[in-house]
Amino acid sequence: MNTFIKFKIISVQSMKLLILSMSLFSLFSFKKQKQNDFLMIVDDGFTLSDGKIVITGQIQTGKISVGDKITFSYKEDVYELKVEFLEIFGQSPETKTAYASQYLGIHVSGVPKYYFYHGQELRKK
């Protein structure tokens, strides 16, 4: 048969097996991190007029709620701060919990803004 396709056609069963394998691989990701482990990568931070800091970024895994404690490192020290307020993009101001993939601002106080930098990891205590 004369066609422009020169590759072997993959069967539906093989495609199903490939999709299943990819799904299983994503469950056991590179760091084998639990879905419930909170991880946010800092995008930016700024200071409010009252002196509080807002740290912006997207949650990679897990969830965070008002009242939870986050940990981060600056230089050689590890800090722990209480989440005072959440501003979740596209959500009501009354929303108290943010989940993986949501973009948000976390309000904290007690350290200067320069303790936070782009690419920094925030985790939950």
N, C-alpha and C. Protein backbone atom coordinates (compact mmCIF):
# COMPACT_ATOMS: atom_id res chain seq x y z
N MET A 1 0.84 -1.17 0.00
CA MET A 1 0.00 0.00 0.00
C MET A 1 0.89 1.24 0.00
N ASN A 2 0.55 2.20 -0.81
CA ASN A 2 1.34 3.41 -0.95
C ASN A 2 0.69 4.55 -0.16
N THR A 3 1.25 4.86 1.04
CA THR A 3 0.70 5.97 1.85
C THR A 3 1.85 6.84 2.33
N PHE A 4 1.51 7.99 2.84
CA PHE A 4 2.53 8.88 3.38
C PHE A 4 2.92 8.50 4.81
N ILE A 5 2.17 7.61 5.44
CA ILE A 5 2.48 7.17 6.80
C ILE A 5 3.51 6.05 6.73
N LYS A 6 4.65 6.29 7.34
CA LYS A 6 5.72 5.30 7.31
C LYS A 6 5.97 4.69 8.68
N PHE A 7 5.13 5.04 9.65
CA PHE A 7 5.31 4.54 11.00
C PHE A 7 4.24 3.51 11.32
N LYS A 8 4.61 2.63 12.23
CA LYS A 8 3.67 1.62 12.66
C LYS A 8 2.53 2.28 13.43
N ILE A 9 1.33 1.86 13.19
CA ILE A 9 0.17 2.39 13.89
C ILE A 9 0.11 1.75 15.27
N ILE A 10 -0.08 2.61 16.29
CA ILE A 10 -0.15 2.13 17.67
C ILE A 10 -1.58 1.74 17.98
N SER A 11 -1.74 0.56 18.54
CA SER A 11 -3.08 0.08 18.84
C SER A 11 -3.70 0.86 20.00
N VAL A 12 -5.02 0.83 20.09
CA VAL A 12 -5.74 1.49 21.18
C VAL A 12 -5.31 0.91 22.52
N GLN A 13 -5.15 -0.40 22.58
CA GLN A 13 -4.73 -1.06 23.83
C GLN A 13 -3.37 -0.54 24.28
N SER A 14 -2.44 -0.36 23.34
CA SER A 14 -1.12 0.15 23.68
C SER A 14 -1.21 1.58 24.19
N MET A 15 -2.08 2.38 23.59
CA MET A 15 -2.27 3.77 24.05
C MET A 15 -2.85 3.80 25.46
N LYS A 16 -3.80 2.91 25.73
CA LYS A 16 -4.38 2.85 27.07
C LYS A 16 -3.31 2.49 28.09
N LEU A 17 -2.45 1.54 27.75
CA LEU A 17 -1.37 1.14 28.64
C LEU A 17 -0.39 2.30 28.86
N LEU A 18 -0.10 3.04 27.81
CA LEU A 18 0.80 4.19 27.92
C LEU A 18 0.20 5.26 28.85
N ILE A 19 -1.08 5.56 28.69
CA ILE A 19 -1.75 6.55 29.52
C ILE A 19 -1.77 6.10 30.98
N LEU A 20 -2.05 4.84 31.21
CA LEU A 20 -2.04 4.29 32.57
C LEU A 20 -0.65 4.41 33.19
N SER A 21 0.38 4.08 32.42
CA SER A 21 1.76 4.17 32.92
C SER A 21 2.12 5.61 33.27
N MET A 22 1.71 6.55 32.42
CA MET A 22 1.99 7.96 32.69
C MET A 22 1.27 8.44 33.94
N SER A 23 0.05 7.98 34.13
CA SER A 23 -0.72 8.36 35.31
C SER A 23 -0.05 7.84 36.58
N LEU A 24 0.39 6.59 36.54
CA LEU A 24 1.07 6.01 37.70
C LEU A 24 2.38 6.74 37.99
N PHE A 25 3.09 7.10 36.94
CA PHE A 25 4.35 7.83 37.11
C PHE A 25 4.10 9.16 37.81
N SER A 26 3.04 9.87 37.42
CA SER A 26 2.76 11.16 38.04
C SER A 26 2.37 11.02 39.51
N LEU A 27 1.80 9.88 39.88
CA LEU A 27 1.47 9.65 41.29
C LEU A 27 2.72 9.52 42.15
N PHE A 28 3.76 8.95 41.57
CA PHE A 28 5.03 8.77 42.27
C PHE A 28 6.04 9.73 41.67
N SER A 29 5.82 11.02 41.91
CA SER A 29 6.61 12.07 41.29
C SER A 29 8.06 12.04 41.73
N PHE A 30 8.83 12.98 41.16
CA PHE A 30 10.26 13.01 41.35
C PHE A 30 10.69 13.01 42.81
N LYS A 31 10.04 13.79 43.64
CA LYS A 31 10.42 13.87 45.05
C LYS A 31 9.59 12.95 45.92
N LYS A 32 8.67 12.22 45.34
CA LYS A 32 7.75 11.36 46.09
C LYS A 32 7.08 12.15 47.21
N GLN A 33 6.71 13.38 46.88
CA GLN A 33 6.10 14.25 47.87
C GLN A 33 4.63 13.90 48.03
N LYS A 34 4.16 13.89 49.27
CA LYS A 34 2.75 13.60 49.53
C LYS A 34 1.89 14.73 49.00
N GLN A 35 0.69 14.39 48.50
CA GLN A 35 -0.23 15.40 48.00
C GLN A 35 -0.60 16.40 49.08
N ASN A 36 -0.62 15.98 50.34
CA ASN A 36 -1.03 16.87 51.41
C ASN A 36 0.07 17.81 51.87
N ASP A 37 1.30 17.58 51.45
CA ASP A 37 2.40 18.45 51.84
C ASP A 37 2.27 19.78 51.11
N PHE A 38 2.18 20.87 51.87
CA PHE A 38 2.05 22.19 51.27
C PHE A 38 3.40 22.65 50.74
N LEU A 39 3.38 23.11 49.51
CA LEU A 39 4.56 23.72 48.89
C LEU A 39 4.09 24.86 48.01
N MET A 40 4.63 26.05 48.26
CA MET A 40 4.36 27.20 47.42
C MET A 40 5.69 27.81 47.02
N ILE A 41 5.81 28.16 45.75
CA ILE A 41 6.99 28.84 45.25
C ILE A 41 6.68 30.33 45.22
N VAL A 42 7.52 31.12 45.89
CA VAL A 42 7.30 32.57 45.98
C VAL A 42 7.51 33.22 44.62
N ASP A 43 6.55 34.05 44.24
CA ASP A 43 6.67 34.85 43.03
C ASP A 43 7.19 36.24 43.39
N ASP A 44 6.58 36.85 44.41
CA ASP A 44 6.94 38.21 44.80
C ASP A 44 6.49 38.45 46.23
N GLY A 45 6.87 39.57 46.78
CA GLY A 45 6.42 39.96 48.11
C GLY A 45 6.38 41.47 48.18
N PHE A 46 5.49 41.99 48.97
CA PHE A 46 5.43 43.44 49.15
C PHE A 46 4.92 43.77 50.54
N THR A 47 5.18 45.01 50.94
CA THR A 47 4.81 45.48 52.28
C THR A 47 3.56 46.33 52.21
N LEU A 48 2.61 46.07 53.10
CA LEU A 48 1.39 46.87 53.21
C LEU A 48 1.67 48.10 54.09
N SER A 49 0.76 49.06 54.05
CA SER A 49 0.94 50.30 54.83
C SER A 49 0.99 50.03 56.34
N ASP A 50 0.37 48.93 56.78
CA ASP A 50 0.40 48.61 58.22
C ASP A 50 1.65 47.81 58.62
N GLY A 51 2.56 47.59 57.67
CA GLY A 51 3.80 46.89 57.97
C GLY A 51 3.76 45.39 57.72
N LYS A 52 2.58 44.84 57.47
CA LYS A 52 2.49 43.40 57.19
C LYS A 52 3.04 43.11 55.80
N ILE A 53 3.45 41.87 55.62
CA ILE A 53 4.02 41.42 54.35
C ILE A 53 3.01 40.54 53.63
N VAL A 54 2.92 40.70 52.31
CA VAL A 54 2.12 39.81 51.47
C VAL A 54 3.09 39.07 50.56
N ILE A 55 3.04 37.75 50.62
CA ILE A 55 3.88 36.91 49.78
C ILE A 55 2.98 36.30 48.72
N THR A 56 3.30 36.52 47.45
CA THR A 56 2.47 35.98 46.38
C THR A 56 3.14 34.79 45.72
N GLY A 57 2.31 33.89 45.19
CA GLY A 57 2.82 32.72 44.48
C GLY A 57 1.70 31.74 44.21
N GLN A 58 2.07 30.62 43.62
CA GLN A 58 1.10 29.57 43.29
C GLN A 58 1.42 28.34 44.13
N ILE A 59 0.36 27.75 44.70
CA ILE A 59 0.54 26.53 45.49
C ILE A 59 0.82 25.38 44.54
N GLN A 60 1.92 24.69 44.77
CA GLN A 60 2.29 23.54 43.95
C GLN A 60 1.58 22.28 44.42
N THR A 61 1.60 22.04 45.73
CA THR A 61 0.93 20.87 46.30
C THR A 61 0.33 21.22 47.64
N GLY A 62 -0.68 20.47 48.03
CA GLY A 62 -1.28 20.62 49.35
C GLY A 62 -2.25 21.78 49.46
N LYS A 63 -2.43 22.25 50.69
CA LYS A 63 -3.36 23.35 50.97
C LYS A 63 -2.82 24.16 52.13
N ILE A 64 -3.34 25.38 52.27
CA ILE A 64 -2.95 26.27 53.36
C ILE A 64 -4.20 26.99 53.85
N SER A 65 -4.28 27.21 55.16
CA SER A 65 -5.44 27.89 55.75
C SER A 65 -4.98 29.00 56.67
N VAL A 66 -5.87 29.96 56.89
CA VAL A 66 -5.61 31.01 57.87
C VAL A 66 -5.37 30.33 59.22
N GLY A 67 -4.32 30.75 59.91
CA GLY A 67 -3.97 30.16 61.20
C GLY A 67 -2.87 29.12 61.11
N ASP A 68 -2.65 28.54 59.91
CA ASP A 68 -1.55 27.58 59.74
C ASP A 68 -0.22 28.30 59.90
N LYS A 69 0.83 27.53 60.15
CA LYS A 69 2.17 28.10 60.24
C LYS A 69 2.97 27.66 59.03
N ILE A 70 3.64 28.64 58.41
CA ILE A 70 4.51 28.34 57.27
C ILE A 70 5.96 28.42 57.73
N THR A 71 6.81 27.67 57.06
CA THR A 71 8.24 27.73 57.34
C THR A 71 8.97 28.08 56.05
N PHE A 72 10.09 28.76 56.21
CA PHE A 72 10.93 29.12 55.07
C PHE A 72 12.33 29.37 55.60
N SER A 73 13.32 29.35 54.72
CA SER A 73 14.67 29.65 55.15
C SER A 73 15.13 30.96 54.51
N TYR A 74 15.91 31.66 55.28
CA TYR A 74 16.57 32.87 54.79
C TYR A 74 18.00 32.81 55.29
N LYS A 75 18.93 32.87 54.36
CA LYS A 75 20.34 32.65 54.65
C LYS A 75 20.48 31.28 55.31
N GLU A 76 20.96 31.20 56.52
CA GLU A 76 21.14 29.89 57.16
C GLU A 76 20.11 29.60 58.23
N ASP A 77 19.14 30.49 58.39
CA ASP A 77 18.13 30.33 59.43
C ASP A 77 16.80 29.87 58.86
N VAL A 78 16.04 29.14 59.68
CA VAL A 78 14.69 28.71 59.31
C VAL A 78 13.71 29.50 60.17
N TYR A 79 12.69 30.04 59.52
CA TYR A 79 11.69 30.86 60.21
C TYR A 79 10.33 30.20 60.13
N GLU A 80 9.50 30.52 61.11
CA GLU A 80 8.13 30.01 61.17
C GLU A 80 7.21 31.20 61.42
N LEU A 81 6.20 31.37 60.57
CA LEU A 81 5.26 32.48 60.70
C LEU A 81 3.83 31.98 60.59
N LYS A 82 2.94 32.65 61.28
CA LYS A 82 1.52 32.30 61.22
C LYS A 82 0.86 33.00 60.04
N VAL A 83 0.02 32.26 59.30
CA VAL A 83 -0.75 32.84 58.19
C VAL A 83 -1.88 33.66 58.80
N GLU A 84 -1.85 34.97 58.56
CA GLU A 84 -2.84 35.87 59.16
C GLU A 84 -4.06 36.08 58.27
N PHE A 85 -3.85 36.03 56.96
CA PHE A 85 -4.94 36.28 56.01
C PHE A 85 -4.52 35.72 54.66
N LEU A 86 -5.49 35.29 53.86
CA LEU A 86 -5.22 34.80 52.50
C LEU A 86 -6.00 35.64 51.50
N GLU A 87 -5.34 36.04 50.44
CA GLU A 87 -6.01 36.66 49.29
C GLU A 87 -5.86 35.68 48.14
N ILE A 88 -6.94 35.01 47.79
CA ILE A 88 -6.89 33.97 46.77
C ILE A 88 -7.49 34.53 45.49
N PHE A 89 -6.71 34.49 44.41
CA PHE A 89 -7.15 35.04 43.14
C PHE A 89 -8.47 34.42 42.70
N GLY A 90 -9.45 35.27 42.42
CA GLY A 90 -10.74 34.80 41.92
C GLY A 90 -11.68 34.27 42.99
N GLN A 91 -11.32 34.42 44.27
CA GLN A 91 -12.14 33.90 45.36
C GLN A 91 -12.62 35.04 46.25
N SER A 92 -13.66 34.76 47.00
CA SER A 92 -14.22 35.71 47.96
C SER A 92 -13.20 35.99 49.07
N PRO A 93 -13.18 37.23 49.60
CA PRO A 93 -12.25 37.55 50.71
C PRO A 93 -12.50 36.72 51.97
N GLU A 94 -13.67 36.12 52.08
CA GLU A 94 -13.98 35.29 53.25
C GLU A 94 -13.39 33.89 53.16
N THR A 95 -12.85 33.52 52.00
CA THR A 95 -12.29 32.18 51.82
C THR A 95 -11.06 32.02 52.71
N LYS A 96 -11.04 30.97 53.50
CA LYS A 96 -9.99 30.77 54.51
C LYS A 96 -8.98 29.69 54.15
N THR A 97 -9.20 28.97 53.05
CA THR A 97 -8.29 27.88 52.66
C THR A 97 -8.01 27.96 51.16
N ALA A 98 -6.75 27.75 50.79
CA ALA A 98 -6.35 27.72 49.38
C ALA A 98 -5.74 26.35 49.09
N TYR A 99 -5.90 25.90 47.84
CA TYR A 99 -5.49 24.56 47.44
C TYR A 99 -4.49 24.60 46.28
N ALA A 100 -3.88 23.44 46.02
CA ALA A 100 -2.90 23.30 44.94
C ALA A 100 -3.42 23.91 43.66
N SER A 101 -2.56 24.62 42.97
CA SER A 101 -2.75 25.30 41.69
C SER A 101 -3.36 26.69 41.83
N GLN A 102 -3.82 27.07 43.02
CA GLN A 102 -4.38 28.41 43.19
C GLN A 102 -3.25 29.43 43.39
N TYR A 103 -3.47 30.62 42.81
CA TYR A 103 -2.53 31.74 42.97
C TYR A 103 -3.05 32.61 44.10
N LEU A 104 -2.18 33.00 45.02
CA LEU A 104 -2.65 33.72 46.19
C LEU A 104 -1.59 34.63 46.78
N GLY A 105 -2.06 35.44 47.74
CA GLY A 105 -1.19 36.25 48.57
C GLY A 105 -1.38 35.81 50.00
N ILE A 106 -0.28 35.54 50.70
CA ILE A 106 -0.32 35.13 52.10
C ILE A 106 0.15 36.32 52.94
N HIS A 107 -0.69 36.76 53.87
CA HIS A 107 -0.33 37.86 54.76
C HIS A 107 0.36 37.32 56.00
N VAL A 108 1.54 37.87 56.30
CA VAL A 108 2.30 37.49 57.49
C VAL A 108 2.92 38.75 58.11
N SER A 109 3.45 38.62 59.29
CA SER A 109 4.20 39.72 59.90
C SER A 109 5.29 39.13 60.78
N GLY A 110 6.26 39.98 61.13
CA GLY A 110 7.31 39.53 62.02
C GLY A 110 8.69 39.47 61.41
N VAL A 111 8.77 39.56 60.08
CA VAL A 111 10.07 39.59 59.40
C VAL A 111 9.99 40.64 58.28
N PRO A 112 11.14 41.16 57.84
CA PRO A 112 11.11 42.13 56.75
C PRO A 112 10.84 41.47 55.40
N LYS A 113 10.37 42.26 54.45
CA LYS A 113 10.02 41.76 53.12
C LYS A 113 11.22 41.11 52.43
N TYR A 114 12.40 41.64 52.62
CA TYR A 114 13.55 41.12 51.89
C TYR A 114 13.93 39.68 52.30
N TYR A 115 13.28 39.13 53.31
CA TYR A 115 13.48 37.73 53.65
C TYR A 115 12.85 36.80 52.61
N PHE A 116 12.00 37.35 51.76
CA PHE A 116 11.31 36.57 50.73
C PHE A 116 11.84 36.95 49.36
N TYR A 117 12.04 35.95 48.50
CA TYR A 117 12.58 36.22 47.17
C TYR A 117 11.95 35.27 46.14
N HIS A 118 11.99 35.68 44.91
CA HIS A 118 11.42 34.90 43.81
C HIS A 118 12.07 33.51 43.76
N GLY A 119 11.23 32.48 43.71
CA GLY A 119 11.71 31.10 43.62
C GLY A 119 11.87 30.40 44.96
N GLN A 120 11.72 31.14 46.05
CA GLN A 120 11.86 30.57 47.39
C GLN A 120 10.72 29.60 47.68
N GLU A 121 10.99 28.57 48.46
CA GLU A 121 9.96 27.59 48.83
C GLU A 121 9.37 27.91 50.19
N LEU A 122 8.04 27.89 50.27
CA LEU A 122 7.33 27.99 51.54
C LEU A 122 6.70 26.63 51.81
N ARG A 123 6.80 26.18 53.03
CA ARG A 123 6.20 24.90 53.42
C ARG A 123 5.36 25.11 54.66
N LYS A 124 4.52 24.13 54.97
CA LYS A 124 3.67 24.22 56.15
C LYS A 124 4.31 23.43 57.28
N LYS A 125 4.24 23.99 58.47
CA LYS A 125 4.80 23.34 59.67
C LYS A 125 3.96 22.13 60.02
